[in-house]
């Protein structure tokens, strides 16, 4: 888990936007949701199973263990969860070697956040090895904090990833805007109390209080983020306590501030 710079300024100047913007990775910033499905089709195909398209909407945006476990259950594949996880990660990483395509508007949005000095965090259910490979293409310097799915005891749809990211930036989750592409990710961000902008990738997402739905990142700029940050706060689920972090990654060169502390389960 990448540690943060000093806490962001929590004062509220007139017209201020969000304290921080928390961004999902696969299907939101980078066009890789199809990579995951292709990897799942490949791995289970080698095991003698054909995945039906109806399963795609169920596994999209979910943590690796949930997706792999579900596919093992519905196919009856003779493989352990750990074996499936390792094969899926390897197949996905092979696809990343061909290049990491950014979603339309992603590079411009990241540049605009930097220009306005709005801290950004990357909040993903993907494993650290996958995130680091993507960051090498997208640019790690765009993010003050990153959270990987294998660094938390509980990942999406639990609120822990977004609570962890907000805490790492010294920000109030209620004054953060999260950008997500799946219902699983939206549920995680809303449970943490964030305002949410949904940019649906595979399955549709309905608008709701505290949630704005757009067709593309190209619709999101600082004026839009300010309007979302000023919207009424969403109802927050009772499950607001983040589960302990299982481990923290080394602090990258050039990032200052307190390192995240690992805790036991």
C-alpha atoms as a PDB file:
ATOM      1  CA  UNK A   1       0.000   0.000   0.000  1.00  0.00           C
ATOM      2  CA  UNK A   2       1.488   3.315  -0.978  1.00  0.00           C
ATOM      3  CA  UNK A   3       1.811   5.726   1.912  1.00  0.00           C
ATOM      4  CA  UNK A   4       0.573   9.256   1.665  1.00  0.00           C
ATOM      5  CA  UNK A   5       2.067  12.723   1.682  1.00  0.00           C
ATOM      6  CA  UNK A   6       1.068  15.039   4.541  1.00  0.00           C
ATOM      7  CA  UNK A   7      -2.669  15.243   5.151  1.00  0.00           C
ATOM      8  CA  UNK A   8      -4.680  17.387   2.789  1.00  0.00           C
ATOM      9  CA  UNK A   9      -6.042  20.726   3.954  1.00  0.00           C
ATOM     10  CA  UNK A  10      -9.443  20.029   5.498  1.00  0.00           C
ATOM     11  CA  UNK A  11     -10.678  23.630   5.467  1.00  0.00           C
ATOM     12  CA  UNK A  12     -13.587  24.540   3.196  1.00  0.00           C
ATOM     13  CA  UNK A  13     -12.824  27.649   1.125  1.00  0.00           C
ATOM     14  CA  UNK A  14     -15.669  29.082  -0.876  1.00  0.00           C
ATOM     15  CA  UNK A  15     -16.281  27.027  -4.002  1.00  0.00           C
ATOM     16  CA  UNK A  16     -13.925  24.276  -2.839  1.00  0.00           C
ATOM     17  CA  UNK A  17     -14.088  20.929  -4.559  1.00  0.00           C
ATOM     18  CA  UNK A  18     -13.574  17.523  -2.990  1.00  0.00           C
ATOM     19  CA  UNK A  19     -10.768  16.959  -0.504  1.00  0.00           C
ATOM     20  CA  UNK A  20      -9.653  14.029  -2.643  1.00  0.00           C
ATOM     21  CA  UNK A  21     -10.714  11.965  -5.641  1.00  0.00           C
ATOM     22  CA  UNK A  22     -10.589   8.186  -5.210  1.00  0.00           C
ATOM     23  CA  UNK A  23     -10.449   6.259  -8.474  1.00  0.00           C
ATOM     24  CA  UNK A  24     -11.056   2.626  -9.310  1.00  0.00           C
ATOM     25  CA  UNK A  25      -8.651   1.126 -11.840  1.00  0.00           C
ATOM     26  CA  UNK A  26      -9.973  -1.669 -14.091  1.00  0.00           C
ATOM     27  CA  UNK A  27     -12.743  -0.414 -16.352  1.00  0.00           C
ATOM     28  CA  UNK A  28     -12.601   3.081 -14.851  1.00  0.00           C
ATOM     29  CA  UNK A  29      -9.132   4.467 -15.594  1.00  0.00           C
ATOM     30  CA  UNK A  30      -7.862   1.676 -17.821  1.00  0.00           C
ATOM     31  CA  UNK A  31      -9.812  -0.352 -20.350  1.00  0.00           C
ATOM     32  CA  UNK A  32      -8.986  -3.735 -18.812  1.00  0.00           C
ATOM     33  CA  UNK A  33     -12.297  -5.257 -17.669  1.00  0.00           C
ATOM     34  CA  UNK A  34     -12.278  -7.170 -20.944  1.00  0.00           C
ATOM     35  CA  UNK A  35      -8.748  -8.379 -20.118  1.00  0.00           C
ATOM     36  CA  UNK A  36     -10.024  -9.976 -16.914  1.00  0.00           C
ATOM     37  CA  UNK A  37     -12.875 -11.726 -18.684  1.00  0.00           C
ATOM     38  CA  UNK A  38     -10.529 -12.962 -21.415  1.00  0.00           C
ATOM     39  CA  UNK A  39      -8.178 -14.282 -18.719  1.00  0.00           C
ATOM     40  CA  UNK A  40     -11.050 -16.068 -16.970  1.00  0.00           C
ATOM     41  CA  UNK A  41     -12.254 -17.589 -20.240  1.00  0.00           C
ATOM     42  CA  UNK A  42      -8.707 -18.727 -21.053  1.00  0.00           C
ATOM     43  CA  UNK A  43      -7.965 -20.279 -17.645  1.00  0.00           C
ATOM     44  CA  UNK A  44     -11.249 -22.126 -17.321  1.00  0.00           C
ATOM     45  CA  UNK A  45     -11.111 -23.120 -20.983  1.00  0.00           C
ATOM     46  CA  UNK A  46      -7.805 -24.876 -20.331  1.00  0.00           C
ATOM     47  CA  UNK A  47      -9.595 -26.733 -17.546  1.00  0.00           C
ATOM     48  CA  UNK A  48     -12.271 -27.879 -19.998  1.00  0.00           C
ATOM     49  CA  UNK A  49     -15.019 -25.406 -19.164  1.00  0.00           C
ATOM     50  CA  UNK A  50     -16.730 -22.815 -21.348  1.00  0.00           C
ATOM     51  CA  UNK A  51     -17.825 -19.702 -19.461  1.00  0.00           C
ATOM     52  CA  UNK A  52     -21.246 -18.331 -20.364  1.00  0.00           C
ATOM     53  CA  UNK A  53     -21.590 -14.595 -20.937  1.00  0.00           C
ATOM     54  CA  UNK A  54     -24.199 -14.467 -18.162  1.00  0.00           C
ATOM     55  CA  UNK A  55     -21.397 -15.001 -15.628  1.00  0.00           C
ATOM     56  CA  UNK A  56     -19.500 -11.910 -16.743  1.00  0.00           C
ATOM     57  CA  UNK A  57     -21.799  -9.390 -15.073  1.00  0.00           C
ATOM     58  CA  UNK A  58     -21.581 -11.365 -11.829  1.00  0.00           C
ATOM     59  CA  UNK A  59     -17.777 -11.419 -11.592  1.00  0.00           C
ATOM     60  CA  UNK A  60     -17.066  -7.945 -12.991  1.00  0.00           C
ATOM     61  CA  UNK A  61     -15.521  -5.554 -10.486  1.00  0.00           C
ATOM     62  CA  UNK A  62     -15.308  -8.152  -7.758  1.00  0.00           C
ATOM     63  CA  UNK A  63     -12.247  -9.234  -5.786  1.00  0.00           C
ATOM     64  CA  UNK A  64     -10.202 -12.086  -7.211  1.00  0.00           C
ATOM     65  CA  UNK A  65     -11.192 -14.582  -4.525  1.00  0.00           C
ATOM     66  CA  UNK A  66     -14.900 -13.963  -5.020  1.00  0.00           C
ATOM     67  CA  UNK A  67     -14.740 -14.113  -8.810  1.00  0.00           C
ATOM     68  CA  UNK A  68     -12.542 -17.214  -8.913  1.00  0.00           C
ATOM     69  CA  UNK A  69     -14.607 -18.933  -6.224  1.00  0.00           C
ATOM     70  CA  UNK A  70     -17.825 -18.255  -8.068  1.00  0.00           C
ATOM     71  CA  UNK A  71     -16.449 -19.575 -11.377  1.00  0.00           C
ATOM     72  CA  UNK A  72     -15.111 -22.718  -9.687  1.00  0.00           C
ATOM     73  CA  UNK A  73     -18.521 -23.302  -8.127  1.00  0.00           C
ATOM     74  CA  UNK A  74     -20.580 -22.829 -11.296  1.00  0.00           C
ATOM     75  CA  UNK A  75     -18.231 -24.857 -13.513  1.00  0.00           C
ATOM     76  CA  UNK A  76     -17.222 -27.545 -11.038  1.00  0.00           C
ATOM     77  CA  UNK A  77     -13.605 -27.066 -12.156  1.00  0.00           C
ATOM     78  CA  UNK A  78     -11.078 -29.300 -10.420  1.00  0.00           C
ATOM     79  CA  UNK A  79      -8.849 -26.539  -9.091  1.00  0.00           C
ATOM     80  CA  UNK A  80      -8.249 -24.849  -5.760  1.00  0.00           C
ATOM     81  CA  UNK A  81      -9.000 -21.200  -5.142  1.00  0.00           C
ATOM     82  CA  UNK A  82      -5.307 -20.388  -4.712  1.00  0.00           C
ATOM     83  CA  UNK A  83      -4.404 -22.171  -7.962  1.00  0.00           C
ATOM     84  CA  UNK A  84      -7.142 -20.356  -9.873  1.00  0.00           C
ATOM     85  CA  UNK A  85      -6.097 -17.003  -8.427  1.00  0.00           C
ATOM     86  CA  UNK A  86      -2.476 -17.500  -9.492  1.00  0.00           C
ATOM     87  CA  UNK A  87      -3.431 -18.634 -13.009  1.00  0.00           C
ATOM     88  CA  UNK A  88      -5.843 -15.726 -13.471  1.00  0.00           C
ATOM     89  CA  UNK A  89      -3.305 -13.145 -12.315  1.00  0.00           C
ATOM     90  CA  UNK A  90      -0.663 -14.621 -14.629  1.00  0.00           C
ATOM     91  CA  UNK A  91      -3.034 -14.631 -17.619  1.00  0.00           C
ATOM     92  CA  UNK A  92      -4.044 -11.034 -16.917  1.00  0.00           C
ATOM     93  CA  UNK A  93      -0.448  -9.857 -16.585  1.00  0.00           C
ATOM     94  CA  UNK A  94       0.383 -11.439 -19.940  1.00  0.00           C
ATOM     95  CA  UNK A  95      -2.327  -9.297 -21.514  1.00  0.00           C
ATOM     96  CA  UNK A  96      -0.955  -6.160 -19.867  1.00  0.00           C
ATOM     97  CA  UNK A  97       2.369  -6.777 -21.607  1.00  0.00           C
ATOM     98  CA  UNK A  98       0.641  -5.822 -24.869  1.00  0.00           C
ATOM     99  CA  UNK A  99      -0.097  -2.373 -23.463  1.00  0.00           C
ATOM    100  CA  UNK A 100      -2.486  -0.730 -21.017  1.00  0.00           C
ATOM    101  CA  UNK A 101      -5.185   1.265 -22.836  1.00  0.00           C
ATOM    102  CA  UNK A 102      -6.523   4.245 -20.882  1.00  0.00           C
ATOM    103  CA  UNK A 103     -10.220   5.019 -20.857  1.00  0.00           C
ATOM    104  CA  UNK A 104     -11.247   8.138 -22.816  1.00  0.00           C
ATOM    105  CA  UNK A 105     -10.675  11.212 -20.670  1.00  0.00           C
ATOM    106  CA  UNK A 106      -8.498   9.431 -18.070  1.00  0.00           C
ATOM    107  CA  UNK A 107      -5.206  11.161 -18.834  1.00  0.00           C
ATOM    108  CA  UNK A 108      -6.844  14.593 -19.033  1.00  0.00           C
ATOM    109  CA  UNK A 109      -8.680  14.044 -15.720  1.00  0.00           C
ATOM    110  CA  UNK A 110      -5.503  12.993 -13.902  1.00  0.00           C
ATOM    111  CA  UNK A 111      -3.670  16.025 -15.282  1.00  0.00           C
ATOM    112  CA  UNK A 112      -6.490  18.338 -14.189  1.00  0.00           C
ATOM    113  CA  UNK A 113      -6.488  16.922 -10.654  1.00  0.00           C
ATOM    114  CA  UNK A 114      -2.743  17.517 -10.457  1.00  0.00           C
ATOM    115  CA  UNK A 115      -3.084  21.052 -11.804  1.00  0.00           C
ATOM    116  CA  UNK A 116      -5.656  21.888  -9.116  1.00  0.00           C
ATOM    117  CA  UNK A 117      -3.653  20.056  -6.435  1.00  0.00           C
ATOM    118  CA  UNK A 118      -6.478  17.667  -5.636  1.00  0.00           C
ATOM    119  CA  UNK A 119      -4.971  14.475  -4.179  1.00  0.00           C
ATOM    120  CA  UNK A 120      -5.881  11.296  -6.041  1.00  0.00           C
ATOM    121  CA  UNK A 121      -5.869   7.717  -4.777  1.00  0.00           C
ATOM    122  CA  UNK A 122      -6.100   4.512  -6.771  1.00  0.00           C
ATOM    123  CA  UNK A 123      -8.499   2.089  -5.082  1.00  0.00           C
ATOM    124  CA  UNK A 124      -8.580  -1.339  -6.702  1.00  0.00           C
ATOM    125  CA  UNK A 125      -9.651  -4.894  -5.923  1.00  0.00           C
ATOM    126  CA  UNK A 126      -6.791  -6.115  -8.120  1.00  0.00           C
ATOM    127  CA  UNK A 127      -3.648  -7.467  -6.509  1.00  0.00           C
ATOM    128  CA  UNK A 128      -0.561  -5.324  -5.897  1.00  0.00           C
ATOM    129  CA  UNK A 129       1.433  -7.013  -8.687  1.00  0.00           C
ATOM    130  CA  UNK A 130      -1.278  -6.060 -11.174  1.00  0.00           C
ATOM    131  CA  UNK A 131      -1.618  -2.494  -9.870  1.00  0.00           C
ATOM    132  CA  UNK A 132       2.128  -1.889 -10.047  1.00  0.00           C
ATOM    133  CA  UNK A 133       2.219  -3.117 -13.650  1.00  0.00           C
ATOM    134  CA  UNK A 134      -0.595  -0.721 -14.577  1.00  0.00           C
ATOM    135  CA  UNK A 135       0.994   2.171 -12.673  1.00  0.00           C
ATOM    136  CA  UNK A 136       4.162   1.725 -14.699  1.00  0.00           C
ATOM    137  CA  UNK A 137       2.103   2.657 -17.770  1.00  0.00           C
ATOM    138  CA  UNK A 138      -0.344   5.174 -16.316  1.00  0.00           C
ATOM    139  CA  UNK A 139       2.191   6.942 -14.092  1.00  0.00           C
ATOM    140  CA  UNK A 140       2.503   6.338 -10.358  1.00  0.00           C
ATOM    141  CA  UNK A 141       3.159  10.047  -9.801  1.00  0.00           C
ATOM    142  CA  UNK A 142      -0.530  10.758 -10.428  1.00  0.00           C
ATOM    143  CA  UNK A 143      -1.485   9.055  -7.155  1.00  0.00           C
ATOM    144  CA  UNK A 144      -0.644  10.032  -3.595  1.00  0.00           C
ATOM    145  CA  UNK A 145      -1.984   6.736  -2.268  1.00  0.00           C
ATOM    146  CA  UNK A 146      -2.899   3.341  -3.706  1.00  0.00           C
ATOM    147  CA  UNK A 147      -4.838   0.420  -2.238  1.00  0.00           C
ATOM    148  CA  UNK A 148      -4.699  -3.134  -3.602  1.00  0.00           C
ATOM    149  CA  UNK A 149      -7.207  -5.901  -2.993  1.00  0.00           C
ATOM    150  CA  UNK A 150      -4.639  -8.239  -1.442  1.00  0.00           C
ATOM    151  CA  UNK A 151      -3.579  -5.623   1.127  1.00  0.00           C
ATOM    152  CA  UNK A 152      -6.843  -5.653   3.048  1.00  0.00           C
ATOM    153  CA  UNK A 153      -8.645  -8.360   4.991  1.00  0.00           C
ATOM    154  CA  UNK A 154     -11.836  -7.210   3.237  1.00  0.00           C
ATOM    155  CA  UNK A 155     -12.041  -5.571  -0.160  1.00  0.00           C
ATOM    156  CA  UNK A 156     -14.934  -4.363  -2.317  1.00  0.00           C
ATOM    157  CA  UNK A 157     -17.938  -4.318  -1.803  1.00  0.00           C
ATOM    158  CA  UNK A 158     -16.954  -3.649   1.831  1.00  0.00           C
ATOM    159  CA  UNK A 159     -16.124  -0.009   2.636  1.00  0.00           C
ATOM    160  CA  UNK A 160     -12.577  -0.820   3.774  1.00  0.00           C
ATOM    161  CA  UNK A 161     -10.727   0.126   0.550  1.00  0.00           C
ATOM    162  CA  UNK A 162     -12.264   3.590   0.393  1.00  0.00           C
ATOM    163  CA  UNK A 163     -12.000   4.203   4.134  1.00  0.00           C
ATOM    164  CA  UNK A 164      -8.339   3.197   3.946  1.00  0.00           C
ATOM    165  CA  UNK A 165      -7.659   5.497   0.999  1.00  0.00           C
ATOM    166  CA  UNK A 166      -9.374   8.473   2.627  1.00  0.00           C
ATOM    167  CA  UNK A 167      -7.508   7.897   5.888  1.00  0.00           C
ATOM    168  CA  UNK A 168      -4.238   7.587   4.001  1.00  0.00           C
ATOM    169  CA  UNK A 169      -4.817  11.012   2.470  1.00  0.00           C
ATOM    170  CA  UNK A 170      -5.994  12.545   5.741  1.00  0.00           C
ATOM    171  CA  UNK A 171      -9.374  13.229   4.151  1.00  0.00           C
ATOM    172  CA  UNK A 172     -12.967  12.864   5.333  1.00  0.00           C
ATOM    173  CA  UNK A 173     -14.658  10.133   3.230  1.00  0.00           C
ATOM    174  CA  UNK A 174     -17.783  12.287   3.128  1.00  0.00           C
ATOM    175  CA  UNK A 175     -15.813  14.996   1.344  1.00  0.00           C
ATOM    176  CA  UNK A 176     -14.224  12.627  -1.170  1.00  0.00           C
ATOM    177  CA  UNK A 177     -15.547  11.788  -4.621  1.00  0.00           C
ATOM    178  CA  UNK A 178     -15.101   8.184  -5.757  1.00  0.00           C
ATOM    179  CA  UNK A 179     -15.174   7.198  -9.424  1.00  0.00           C
ATOM    180  CA  UNK A 180     -16.274   3.627 -10.151  1.00  0.00           C
ATOM    181  CA  UNK A 181     -17.492   1.509 -13.071  1.00  0.00           C
ATOM    182  CA  UNK A 182     -19.215  -1.445 -11.355  1.00  0.00           C
ATOM    183  CA  UNK A 183     -21.995  -1.986  -8.841  1.00  0.00           C
ATOM    184  CA  UNK A 184     -19.536  -3.744  -6.528  1.00  0.00           C
ATOM    185  CA  UNK A 185     -17.223  -0.735  -6.484  1.00  0.00           C
ATOM    186  CA  UNK A 186     -20.096   1.716  -6.104  1.00  0.00           C
ATOM    187  CA  UNK A 187     -21.372  -0.256  -3.099  1.00  0.00           C
ATOM    188  CA  UNK A 188     -17.918  -0.079  -1.506  1.00  0.00           C
ATOM    189  CA  UNK A 189     -17.540   3.666  -1.995  1.00  0.00           C
ATOM    190  CA  UNK A 190     -21.072   4.448  -0.837  1.00  0.00           C
ATOM    191  CA  UNK A 191     -20.679   2.282   2.258  1.00  0.00           C
ATOM    192  CA  UNK A 192     -17.624   4.383   3.105  1.00  0.00           C
ATOM    193  CA  UNK A 193     -19.718   7.555   2.798  1.00  0.00           C
ATOM    194  CA  UNK A 194     -18.157   8.924  -0.390  1.00  0.00           C
ATOM    195  CA  UNK A 195     -19.993  10.795  -3.114  1.00  0.00           C
ATOM    196  CA  UNK A 196     -19.857   8.554  -6.153  1.00  0.00           C
ATOM    197  CA  UNK A 197     -19.577   9.118  -9.874  1.00  0.00           C
ATOM    198  CA  UNK A 198     -20.423   5.909 -11.721  1.00  0.00           C
ATOM    199  CA  UNK A 199     -19.085   5.360 -15.234  1.00  0.00           C
ATOM    200  CA  UNK A 200     -20.643   1.960 -16.080  1.00  0.00           C
ATOM    201  CA  UNK A 201     -18.462  -0.405 -18.103  1.00  0.00           C
ATOM    202  CA  UNK A 202     -20.027  -3.873 -18.420  1.00  0.00           C
ATOM    203  CA  UNK A 203     -23.361  -3.591 -16.584  1.00  0.00           C
ATOM    204  CA  UNK A 204     -25.657  -0.558 -16.168  1.00  0.00           C
ATOM    205  CA  UNK A 205     -25.738   1.369 -12.889  1.00  0.00           C
ATOM    206  CA  UNK A 206     -28.741   3.436 -11.858  1.00  0.00           C
ATOM    207  CA  UNK A 207     -28.519   6.946 -10.442  1.00  0.00           C
ATOM    208  CA  UNK A 208     -29.277   7.304  -6.731  1.00  0.00           C
ATOM    209  CA  UNK A 209     -28.950   9.877  -3.929  1.00  0.00           C
ATOM    210  CA  UNK A 210     -25.265  10.715  -3.557  1.00  0.00           C
ATOM    211  CA  UNK A 211     -24.517   8.968  -6.868  1.00  0.00           C
ATOM    212  CA  UNK A 212     -24.136  10.503 -10.312  1.00  0.00           C
ATOM    213  CA  UNK A 213     -23.987   8.389 -13.458  1.00  0.00           C
ATOM    214  CA  UNK A 214     -22.090   9.548 -16.552  1.00  0.00           C
ATOM    215  CA  UNK A 215     -21.202   7.860 -19.822  1.00  0.00           C
ATOM    216  CA  UNK A 216     -17.481   8.674 -19.828  1.00  0.00           C
ATOM    217  CA  UNK A 217     -14.654  10.242 -17.846  1.00  0.00           C
ATOM    218  CA  UNK A 218     -14.700  12.925 -20.512  1.00  0.00           C
ATOM    219  CA  UNK A 219     -17.737  14.387 -18.730  1.00  0.00           C
ATOM    220  CA  UNK A 220     -15.783  14.870 -15.495  1.00  0.00           C
ATOM    221  CA  UNK A 221     -13.816  18.068 -14.878  1.00  0.00           C
ATOM    222  CA  UNK A 222     -13.196  20.231 -11.809  1.00  0.00           C
ATOM    223  CA  UNK A 223     -16.477  22.115 -12.158  1.00  0.00           C
ATOM    224  CA  UNK A 224     -18.317  18.794 -12.297  1.00  0.00           C
ATOM    225  CA  UNK A 225     -16.388  17.429  -9.298  1.00  0.00           C
ATOM    226  CA  UNK A 226     -17.255  20.541  -7.290  1.00  0.00           C
ATOM    227  CA  UNK A 227     -20.950  20.078  -8.042  1.00  0.00           C
ATOM    228  CA  UNK A 228     -20.817  16.403  -7.016  1.00  0.00           C
ATOM    229  CA  UNK A 229     -18.868  17.183  -3.834  1.00  0.00           C
ATOM    230  CA  UNK A 230     -21.517  19.723  -2.869  1.00  0.00           C
ATOM    231  CA  UNK A 231     -24.433  17.328  -3.386  1.00  0.00           C
ATOM    232  CA  UNK A 232     -26.360  15.920  -0.382  1.00  0.00           C
ATOM    233  CA  UNK A 233     -24.474  13.154   1.381  1.00  0.00           C
ATOM    234  CA  UNK A 234     -25.639   9.587   0.648  1.00  0.00           C
ATOM    235  CA  UNK A 235     -27.058   7.340   3.330  1.00  0.00           C
ATOM    236  CA  UNK A 236     -24.197   5.360   4.840  1.00  0.00           C
ATOM    237  CA  UNK A 237     -24.473   1.698   5.750  1.00  0.00           C
ATOM    238  CA  UNK A 238     -23.754   0.656   9.322  1.00  0.00           C
ATOM    239  CA  UNK A 239     -20.607  -1.239   8.249  1.00  0.00           C
ATOM    240  CA  UNK A 240     -18.166   1.667   8.443  1.00  0.00           C
ATOM    241  CA  UNK A 241     -15.356   0.027  10.400  1.00  0.00           C
ATOM    242  CA  UNK A 242     -12.441  -0.879   8.175  1.00  0.00           C
ATOM    243  CA  UNK A 243     -11.072  -4.359   8.710  1.00  0.00           C
ATOM    244  CA  UNK A 244      -7.376  -4.527   9.587  1.00  0.00           C
ATOM    245  CA  UNK A 245      -4.823  -4.129   6.836  1.00  0.00           C
ATOM    246  CA  UNK A 246      -3.001  -7.405   6.336  1.00  0.00           C
ATOM    247  CA  UNK A 247       0.232  -5.869   5.049  1.00  0.00           C
ATOM    248  CA  UNK A 248       1.671  -2.683   3.636  1.00  0.00           C
ATOM    249  CA  UNK A 249       3.893  -2.323   0.619  1.00  0.00           C
ATOM    250  CA  UNK A 250       7.207  -0.442   0.868  1.00  0.00           C
ATOM    251  CA  UNK A 251       7.042   3.323   0.559  1.00  0.00           C
ATOM    252  CA  UNK A 252       8.018   4.365  -2.991  1.00  0.00           C
ATOM    253  CA  UNK A 253      10.873   6.751  -3.608  1.00  0.00           C
ATOM    254  CA  UNK A 254       9.892  10.385  -3.262  1.00  0.00           C
ATOM    255  CA  UNK A 255       6.723   9.858  -1.218  1.00  0.00           C
ATOM    256  CA  UNK A 256       6.779  11.372   2.255  1.00  0.00           C
ATOM    257  CA  UNK A 257       4.555  11.107   5.270  1.00  0.00           C
ATOM    258  CA  UNK A 258       3.770   8.341   7.745  1.00  0.00           C
ATOM    259  CA  UNK A 259       3.942   4.833   6.358  1.00  0.00           C
ATOM    260  CA  UNK A 260       0.871   2.642   6.689  1.00  0.00           C
ATOM    261  CA  UNK A 261       1.162   0.227   9.589  1.00  0.00           C
ATOM    262  CA  UNK A 262       0.354  -3.442   9.050  1.00  0.00           C
ATOM    263  CA  UNK A 263      -1.974  -5.060  11.521  1.00  0.00           C
ATOM    264  CA  UNK A 264      -3.024  -8.578  12.313  1.00  0.00           C
ATOM    265  CA  UNK A 265      -6.309 -10.141  11.185  1.00  0.00           C
END
